[in-house]
Amino acid sequence: MANWQEAMQAEYESLVKTVKNNVFKLVKLPEGRDVVDNKWVFNLKRNSDGSVQRYKARLVARGFSQQPGVDFTETYTRL
């Protein structure tokens, strides 16, 4: 369990770093807009012999809730 928590922490720190580097910006959710949900995706990276190389966690947007012509150009999500 600790390995997955470390992987999640690394992903979160990476996201925070992108905000600090102006890759994207945090803004208040405009009135009348819905938040795009997110979820954690976990994956084991393995060596050629089958041993675990590293634990990988990614926070991904669940964009299927977006509507064409309504909220495709701007994405709002919870971190």
PDB file of N, CA and C in Angstrom:
ATOM      1  N   MET A   1       0.823  -1.191   0.000  1.00  0.00           N
ATOM      2  CA  MET A   1       0.000   0.000   0.000  1.00  0.00           C
ATOM      3  C   MET A   1       0.867   1.256   0.000  1.00  0.00           C
ATOM      4  N   ALA A   2       1.966   1.223   0.708  1.00  0.00           N
ATOM      5  CA  ALA A   2       2.851   2.393   0.789  1.00  0.00           C
ATOM      6  C   ALA A   2       3.422   2.741  -0.587  1.00  0.00           C
ATOM      7  N   ASN A   3       3.670   1.719  -1.415  1.00  0.00           N
ATOM      8  CA  ASN A   3       4.207   1.981  -2.757  1.00  0.00           C
ATOM      9  C   ASN A   3       3.215   2.783  -3.598  1.00  0.00           C
ATOM     10  N   TRP A   4       1.929   2.435  -3.502  1.00  0.00           N
ATOM     11  CA  TRP A   4       0.909   3.152  -4.265  1.00  0.00           C
ATOM     12  C   TRP A   4       0.739   4.574  -3.737  1.00  0.00           C
ATOM     13  N   GLN A   5       0.817   4.741  -2.417  1.00  0.00           N
ATOM     14  CA  GLN A   5       0.707   6.079  -1.839  1.00  0.00           C
ATOM     15  C   GLN A   5       1.866   6.966  -2.291  1.00  0.00           C
ATOM     16  N   GLU A   6       3.055   6.407  -2.364  1.00  0.00           N
ATOM     17  CA  GLU A   6       4.214   7.155  -2.855  1.00  0.00           C
ATOM     18  C   GLU A   6       4.024   7.543  -4.326  1.00  0.00           C
ATOM     19  N   ALA A   7       3.480   6.636  -5.121  1.00  0.00           N
ATOM     20  CA  ALA A   7       3.232   6.920  -6.539  1.00  0.00           C
ATOM     21  C   ALA A   7       2.193   8.025  -6.691  1.00  0.00           C
ATOM     22  N   MET A   8       1.136   7.989  -5.866  1.00  0.00           N
ATOM     23  CA  MET A   8       0.107   9.026  -5.907  1.00  0.00           C
ATOM     24  C   MET A   8       0.685  10.374  -5.477  1.00  0.00           C
ATOM     25  N   GLN A   9       1.530  10.371  -4.454  1.00  0.00           N
ATOM     26  CA  GLN A   9       2.148  11.610  -3.979  1.00  0.00           C
ATOM     27  C   GLN A   9       3.044  12.202  -5.062  1.00  0.00           C
ATOM     28  N   ALA A  10       3.791  11.359  -5.756  1.00  0.00           N
ATOM     29  CA  ALA A  10       4.663  11.830  -6.841  1.00  0.00           C
ATOM     30  C   ALA A  10       3.841  12.459  -7.963  1.00  0.00           C
ATOM     31  N   GLU A  11       2.712  11.853  -8.307  1.00  0.00           N
ATOM     32  CA  GLU A  11       1.845  12.399  -9.356  1.00  0.00           C
ATOM     33  C   GLU A  11       1.259  13.735  -8.914  1.00  0.00           C
ATOM     34  N   TYR A  12       0.823  13.815  -7.669  1.00  0.00           N
ATOM     35  CA  TYR A  12       0.256  15.064  -7.160  1.00  0.00           C
ATOM     36  C   TYR A  12       1.309  16.174  -7.173  1.00  0.00           C
ATOM     37  N   GLU A  13       2.511  15.872  -6.722  1.00  0.00           N
ATOM     38  CA  GLU A  13       3.593  16.868  -6.726  1.00  0.00           C
ATOM     39  C   GLU A  13       3.918  17.313  -8.145  1.00  0.00           C
ATOM     40  N   SER A  14       3.848  16.401  -9.094  1.00  0.00           N
ATOM     41  CA  SER A  14       4.073  16.744 -10.498  1.00  0.00           C
ATOM     42  C   SER A  14       3.016  17.730 -10.993  1.00  0.00           C
ATOM     43  N   LEU A  15       1.759  17.489 -10.609  1.00  0.00           N
ATOM     44  CA  LEU A  15       0.677  18.395 -11.008  1.00  0.00           C
ATOM     45  C   LEU A  15       0.858  19.775 -10.378  1.00  0.00           C
ATOM     46  N   VAL A  16       1.236  19.815  -9.115  1.00  0.00           N
ATOM     47  CA  VAL A  16       1.470  21.092  -8.435  1.00  0.00           C
ATOM     48  C   VAL A  16       2.620  21.840  -9.119  1.00  0.00           C
ATOM     49  N   LYS A  17       3.644  21.115  -9.516  1.00  0.00           N
ATOM     50  CA  LYS A  17       4.789  21.734 -10.193  1.00  0.00           C
ATOM     51  C   LYS A  17       4.369  22.355 -11.529  1.00  0.00           C
ATOM     52  N   THR A  18       3.455  21.697 -12.260  1.00  0.00           N
ATOM     53  CA  THR A  18       3.014  22.248 -13.539  1.00  0.00           C
ATOM     54  C   THR A  18       2.248  23.544 -13.342  1.00  0.00           C
ATOM     55  N   VAL A  19       1.532  23.659 -12.220  1.00  0.00           N
ATOM     56  CA  VAL A  19       0.836  24.914 -11.914  1.00  0.00           C
ATOM     57  C   VAL A  19       1.869  26.005 -11.652  1.00  0.00           C
ATOM     58  N   LYS A  20       2.889  25.689 -10.873  1.00  0.00           N
ATOM     59  CA  LYS A  20       3.940  26.672 -10.552  1.00  0.00           C
ATOM     60  C   LYS A  20       4.707  27.094 -11.798  1.00  0.00           C
ATOM     61  N   ASN A  21       4.824  26.206 -12.783  1.00  0.00           N
ATOM     62  CA  ASN A  21       5.545  26.513 -14.027  1.00  0.00           C
ATOM     63  C   ASN A  21       4.631  27.084 -15.106  1.00  0.00           C
ATOM     64  N   ASN A  22       3.403  27.423 -14.737  1.00  0.00           N
ATOM     65  CA  ASN A  22       2.423  28.030 -15.644  1.00  0.00           C
ATOM     66  C   ASN A  22       2.051  27.153 -16.827  1.00  0.00           C
ATOM     67  N   VAL A  23       2.085  25.838 -16.654  1.00  0.00           N
ATOM     68  CA  VAL A  23       1.619  24.921 -17.694  1.00  0.00           C
ATOM     69  C   VAL A  23       0.100  25.024 -17.787  1.00  0.00           C
ATOM     70  N   PHE A  24      -0.546  25.121 -16.647  1.00  0.00           N
ATOM     71  CA  PHE A  24      -1.968  25.441 -16.590  1.00  0.00           C
ATOM     72  C   PHE A  24      -2.179  26.279 -15.346  1.00  0.00           C
ATOM     73  N   LYS A  25      -3.351  26.842 -15.204  1.00  0.00           N
ATOM     74  CA  LYS A  25      -3.584  27.692 -14.047  1.00  0.00           C
ATOM     75  C   LYS A  25      -4.849  27.270 -13.316  1.00  0.00           C
ATOM     76  N   LEU A  26      -4.824  27.514 -12.021  1.00  0.00           N
ATOM     77  CA  LEU A  26      -5.989  27.241 -11.199  1.00  0.00           C
ATOM     78  C   LEU A  26      -6.855  28.491 -11.179  1.00  0.00           C
ATOM     79  N   VAL A  27      -8.123  28.326 -11.438  1.00  0.00           N
ATOM     80  CA  VAL A  27      -9.071  29.442 -11.435  1.00  0.00           C
ATOM     81  C   VAL A  27     -10.327  29.018 -10.683  1.00  0.00           C
ATOM     82  N   LYS A  28     -11.113  29.998 -10.273  1.00  0.00           N
ATOM     83  CA  LYS A  28     -12.399  29.683  -9.665  1.00  0.00           C
ATOM     84  C   LYS A  28     -13.328  29.171 -10.748  1.00  0.00           C
ATOM     85  N   LEU A  29     -14.159  28.226 -10.375  1.00  0.00           N
ATOM     86  CA  LEU A  29     -15.128  27.661 -11.314  1.00  0.00           C
ATOM     87  C   LEU A  29     -16.178  28.723 -11.648  1.00  0.00           C
ATOM     88  N   PRO A  30     -16.313  29.075 -12.926  1.00  0.00           N
ATOM     89  CA  PRO A  30     -17.335  30.053 -13.305  1.00  0.00           C
ATOM     90  C   PRO A  30     -18.735  29.547 -12.951  1.00  0.00           C
ATOM     91  N   GLU A  31     -19.596  30.464 -12.630  1.00  0.00           N
ATOM     92  CA  GLU A  31     -20.963  30.112 -12.277  1.00  0.00           C
ATOM     93  C   GLU A  31     -21.651  29.418 -13.461  1.00  0.00           C
ATOM     94  N   GLY A  32     -22.403  28.401 -13.171  1.00  0.00           N
ATOM     95  CA  GLY A  32     -23.136  27.680 -14.208  1.00  0.00           C
ATOM     96  C   GLY A  32     -22.320  26.596 -14.896  1.00  0.00           C
ATOM     97  N   ARG A  33     -21.064  26.412 -14.498  1.00  0.00           N
ATOM     98  CA  ARG A  33     -20.221  25.366 -15.104  1.00  0.00           C
ATOM     99  C   ARG A  33     -20.175  24.148 -14.209  1.00  0.00           C
ATOM    100  N   ASP A  34     -20.061  22.977 -14.808  1.00  0.00           N
ATOM    101  CA  ASP A  34     -19.919  21.741 -14.061  1.00  0.00           C
ATOM    102  C   ASP A  34     -18.447  21.338 -14.036  1.00  0.00           C
ATOM    103  N   VAL A  35     -18.058  20.700 -12.974  1.00  0.00           N
ATOM    104  CA  VAL A  35     -16.692  20.213 -12.824  1.00  0.00           C
ATOM    105  C   VAL A  35     -16.558  18.877 -13.538  1.00  0.00           C
ATOM    106  N   VAL A  36     -15.454  18.685 -14.272  1.00  0.00           N
ATOM    107  CA  VAL A  36     -15.153  17.395 -14.884  1.00  0.00           C
ATOM    108  C   VAL A  36     -14.517  16.533 -13.793  1.00  0.00           C
ATOM    109  N   ASP A  37     -15.122  15.397 -13.509  1.00  0.00           N
ATOM    110  CA  ASP A  37     -14.595  14.507 -12.477  1.00  0.00           C
ATOM    111  C   ASP A  37     -13.250  13.926 -12.898  1.00  0.00           C
ATOM    112  N   ASN A  38     -12.541  13.382 -11.925  1.00  0.00           N
ATOM    113  CA  ASN A  38     -11.280  12.713 -12.218  1.00  0.00           C
ATOM    114  C   ASN A  38     -11.223  11.406 -11.448  1.00  0.00           C
ATOM    115  N   LYS A  39     -10.246  10.594 -11.797  1.00  0.00           N
ATOM    116  CA  LYS A  39     -10.064   9.330 -11.084  1.00  0.00           C
ATOM    117  C   LYS A  39      -8.591   8.944 -11.154  1.00  0.00           C
ATOM    118  N   TRP A  40      -8.194   8.086 -10.227  1.00  0.00           N
ATOM    119  CA  TRP A  40      -6.829   7.570 -10.212  1.00  0.00           C
ATOM    120  C   TRP A  40      -6.751   6.311 -11.073  1.00  0.00           C
ATOM    121  N   VAL A  41      -5.676   6.211 -11.857  1.00  0.00           N
ATOM    122  CA  VAL A  41      -5.396   5.022 -12.660  1.00  0.00           C
ATOM    123  C   VAL A  41      -4.038   4.486 -12.202  1.00  0.00           C
ATOM    124  N   PHE A  42      -3.990   3.208 -11.868  1.00  0.00           N
ATOM    125  CA  PHE A  42      -2.776   2.590 -11.338  1.00  0.00           C
ATOM    126  C   PHE A  42      -2.234   1.562 -12.321  1.00  0.00           C
ATOM    127  N   ASN A  43      -0.905   1.525 -12.420  1.00  0.00           N
ATOM    128  CA  ASN A  43      -0.263   0.610 -13.356  1.00  0.00           C
ATOM    129  C   ASN A  43       1.077   0.178 -12.787  1.00  0.00           C
ATOM    130  N   LEU A  44       1.399  -1.087 -12.926  1.00  0.00           N
ATOM    131  CA  LEU A  44       2.715  -1.587 -12.539  1.00  0.00           C
ATOM    132  C   LEU A  44       3.615  -1.602 -13.761  1.00  0.00           C
ATOM    133  N   LYS A  45       4.777  -1.018 -13.649  1.00  0.00           N
ATOM    134  CA  LYS A  45       5.785  -1.104 -14.707  1.00  0.00           C
ATOM    135  C   LYS A  45       6.727  -2.235 -14.320  1.00  0.00           C
ATOM    136  N   ARG A  46       6.937  -3.161 -15.240  1.00  0.00           N
ATOM    137  CA  ARG A  46       7.750  -4.340 -14.928  1.00  0.00           C
ATOM    138  C   ARG A  46       9.012  -4.407 -15.784  1.00  0.00           C
ATOM    139  N   ASN A  47      10.024  -5.040 -15.230  1.00  0.00           N
ATOM    140  CA  ASN A  47      11.254  -5.329 -15.966  1.00  0.00           C
ATOM    141  C   ASN A  47      11.013  -6.523 -16.880  1.00  0.00           C
ATOM    142  N   SER A  48      11.963  -6.802 -17.757  1.00  0.00           N
ATOM    143  CA  SER A  48      11.805  -7.914 -18.699  1.00  0.00           C
ATOM    144  C   SER A  48      11.718  -9.264 -17.996  1.00  0.00           C
ATOM    145  N   ASP A  49      12.251  -9.362 -16.781  1.00  0.00           N
ATOM    146  CA  ASP A  49      12.178 -10.624 -16.035  1.00  0.00           C
ATOM    147  C   ASP A  49      10.890 -10.753 -15.221  1.00  0.00           C
ATOM    148  N   GLY A  50      10.017  -9.746 -15.303  1.00  0.00           N
ATOM    149  CA  GLY A  50       8.739  -9.793 -14.606  1.00  0.00           C
ATOM    150  C   GLY A  50       8.729  -9.133 -13.244  1.00  0.00           C
ATOM    151  N   SER A  51       9.895  -8.746 -12.746  1.00  0.00           N
ATOM    152  CA  SER A  51       9.940  -8.074 -11.450  1.00  0.00           C
ATOM    153  C   SER A  51       9.407  -6.643 -11.580  1.00  0.00           C
ATOM    154  N   VAL A  52       8.941  -6.103 -10.476  1.00  0.00           N
ATOM    155  CA  VAL A  52       8.352  -4.762 -10.486  1.00  0.00           C
ATOM    156  C   VAL A  52       9.456  -3.707 -10.604  1.00  0.00           C
ATOM    157  N   GLN A  53       9.339  -2.874 -11.636  1.00  0.00           N
ATOM    158  CA  GLN A  53      10.290  -1.779 -11.826  1.00  0.00           C
ATOM    159  C   GLN A  53       9.856  -0.567 -11.018  1.00  0.00           C
ATOM    160  N   ARG A  54       8.549  -0.210 -11.142  1.00  0.00           N
ATOM    161  CA  ARG A  54       8.011   0.902 -10.362  1.00  0.00           C
ATOM    162  C   ARG A  54       6.489   0.873 -10.374  1.00  0.00           C
ATOM    163  N   TYR A  55       5.943   1.573  -9.425  1.00  0.00           N
ATOM    164  CA  TYR A  55       4.495   1.749  -9.315  1.00  0.00           C
ATOM    165  C   TYR A  55       4.162   3.093  -9.946  1.00  0.00           C
ATOM    166  N   LYS A  56       3.172   3.119 -10.801  1.00  0.00           N
ATOM    167  CA  LYS A  56       2.815   4.348 -11.506  1.00  0.00           C
ATOM    168  C   LYS A  56       1.352   4.680 -11.242  1.00  0.00           C
ATOM    169  N   ALA A  57       1.095   5.918 -10.832  1.00  0.00           N
ATOM    170  CA  ALA A  57      -0.269   6.381 -10.586  1.00  0.00           C
ATOM    171  C   ALA A  57      -0.486   7.648 -11.394  1.00  0.00           C
ATOM    172  N   ARG A  58      -1.625   7.763 -12.026  1.00  0.00           N
ATOM    173  CA  ARG A  58      -1.968   8.957 -12.807  1.00  0.00           C
ATOM    174  C   ARG A  58      -3.354   9.422 -12.413  1.00  0.00           C
ATOM    175  N   LEU A  59      -3.508  10.733 -12.312  1.00  0.00           N
ATOM    176  CA  LEU A  59      -4.807  11.336 -12.065  1.00  0.00           C
ATOM    177  C   LEU A  59      -5.329  11.810 -13.408  1.00  0.00           C
ATOM    178  N   VAL A  60      -6.430  11.235 -13.854  1.00  0.00           N
ATOM    179  CA  VAL A  60      -6.943  11.538 -15.192  1.00  0.00           C
ATOM    180  C   VAL A  60      -8.338  12.133 -15.115  1.00  0.00           C
ATOM    181  N   ALA A  61      -8.629  13.005 -16.071  1.00  0.00           N
ATOM    182  CA  ALA A  61      -9.959  13.612 -16.158  1.00  0.00           C
ATOM    183  C   ALA A  61     -10.916  12.622 -16.803  1.00  0.00           C
ATOM    184  N   ARG A  62     -12.121  12.616 -16.323  1.00  0.00           N
ATOM    185  CA  ARG A  62     -13.165  11.757 -16.895  1.00  0.00           C
ATOM    186  C   ARG A  62     -13.962  12.620 -17.868  1.00  0.00           C
ATOM    187  N   GLY A  63     -13.350  12.914 -19.012  1.00  0.00           N
ATOM    188  CA  GLY A  63     -13.887  13.868 -19.969  1.00  0.00           C
ATOM    189  C   GLY A  63     -15.157  13.462 -20.679  1.00  0.00           C
ATOM    190  N   PHE A  64     -15.605  12.222 -20.506  1.00  0.00           N
ATOM    191  CA  PHE A  64     -16.815  11.787 -21.195  1.00  0.00           C
ATOM    192  C   PHE A  64     -18.049  12.538 -20.717  1.00  0.00           C
ATOM    193  N   SER A  65     -17.927  13.298 -19.628  1.00  0.00           N
ATOM    194  CA  SER A  65     -19.077  14.058 -19.134  1.00  0.00           C
ATOM    195  C   SER A  65     -19.214  15.411 -19.830  1.00  0.00           C
ATOM    196  N   GLN A  66     -18.237  15.765 -20.690  1.00  0.00           N
ATOM    197  CA  GLN A  66     -18.309  17.033 -21.399  1.00  0.00           C
ATOM    198  C   GLN A  66     -19.342  16.972 -22.515  1.00  0.00           C
ATOM    199  N   GLN A  67     -19.857  18.143 -22.901  1.00  0.00           N
ATOM    200  CA  GLN A  67     -20.875  18.225 -23.942  1.00  0.00           C
ATOM    201  C   GLN A  67     -20.354  19.060 -25.104  1.00  0.00           C
ATOM    202  N   PRO A  68     -20.478  18.580 -26.343  1.00  0.00           N
ATOM    203  CA  PRO A  68     -20.023  19.346 -27.507  1.00  0.00           C
ATOM    204  C   PRO A  68     -20.688  20.719 -27.561  1.00  0.00           C
ATOM    205  N   GLY A  69     -19.878  21.734 -27.812  1.00  0.00           N
ATOM    206  CA  GLY A  69     -20.385  23.091 -27.928  1.00  0.00           C
ATOM    207  C   GLY A  69     -20.666  23.778 -26.601  1.00  0.00           C
ATOM    208  N   VAL A  70     -20.517  23.042 -25.498  1.00  0.00           N
ATOM    209  CA  VAL A  70     -20.795  23.634 -24.184  1.00  0.00           C
ATOM    210  C   VAL A  70     -19.515  23.795 -23.376  1.00  0.00           C
ATOM    211  N   ASP A  71     -18.775  22.708 -23.191  1.00  0.00           N
ATOM    212  CA  ASP A  71     -17.597  22.782 -22.325  1.00  0.00           C
ATOM    213  C   ASP A  71     -16.395  21.992 -22.866  1.00  0.00           C
ATOM    214  N   PHE A  72     -16.219  21.978 -24.178  1.00  0.00           N
ATOM    215  CA  PHE A  72     -15.063  21.284 -24.756  1.00  0.00           C
ATOM    216  C   PHE A  72     -13.793  22.124 -24.726  1.00  0.00           C
ATOM    217  N   THR A  73     -13.921  23.452 -24.791  1.00  0.00           N
ATOM    218  CA  THR A  73     -12.721  24.284 -24.904  1.00  0.00           C
ATOM    219  C   THR A  73     -12.097  24.603 -23.554  1.00  0.00           C
ATOM    220  N   GLU A  74     -12.864  24.530 -22.481  1.00  0.00           N
ATOM    221  CA  GLU A  74     -12.336  24.789 -21.156  1.00  0.00           C
ATOM    222  C   GLU A  74     -12.668  23.615 -20.261  1.00  0.00           C
ATOM    223  N   THR A  75     -11.702  23.199 -19.459  1.00  0.00           N
ATOM    224  CA  THR A  75     -11.896  22.065 -18.581  1.00  0.00           C
ATOM    225  C   THR A  75     -11.677  22.505 -17.145  1.00  0.00           C
ATOM    226  N   TYR A  76     -12.607  22.157 -16.293  1.00  0.00           N
ATOM    227  CA  TYR A  76     -12.499  22.450 -14.869  1.00  0.00           C
ATOM    228  C   TYR A  76     -12.543  21.127 -14.134  1.00  0.00           C
ATOM    229  N   THR A  77     -11.589  20.896 -13.258  1.00  0.00           N
ATOM    230  CA  THR A  77     -11.541  19.635 -12.519  1.00  0.00           C
ATOM    231  C   THR A  77     -11.108  19.904 -11.093  1.00  0.00           C
ATOM    232  N   ARG A  78     -11.408  18.978 -10.219  1.00  0.00           N
ATOM    233  CA  ARG A  78     -10.971  19.077  -8.825  1.00  0.00           C
ATOM    234  C   ARG A  78      -9.609  18.412  -8.707  1.00  0.00           C
ATOM    235  N   LEU A  79      -8.726  19.016  -7.931  1.00  0.00           N
ATOM    236  CA  LEU A  79      -7.436  18.381  -7.624  1.00  0.00           C
ATOM    237  C   LEU A  79      -7.436  17.899  -6.208  1.00  0.00           C
TER     238      LEU A  79
END
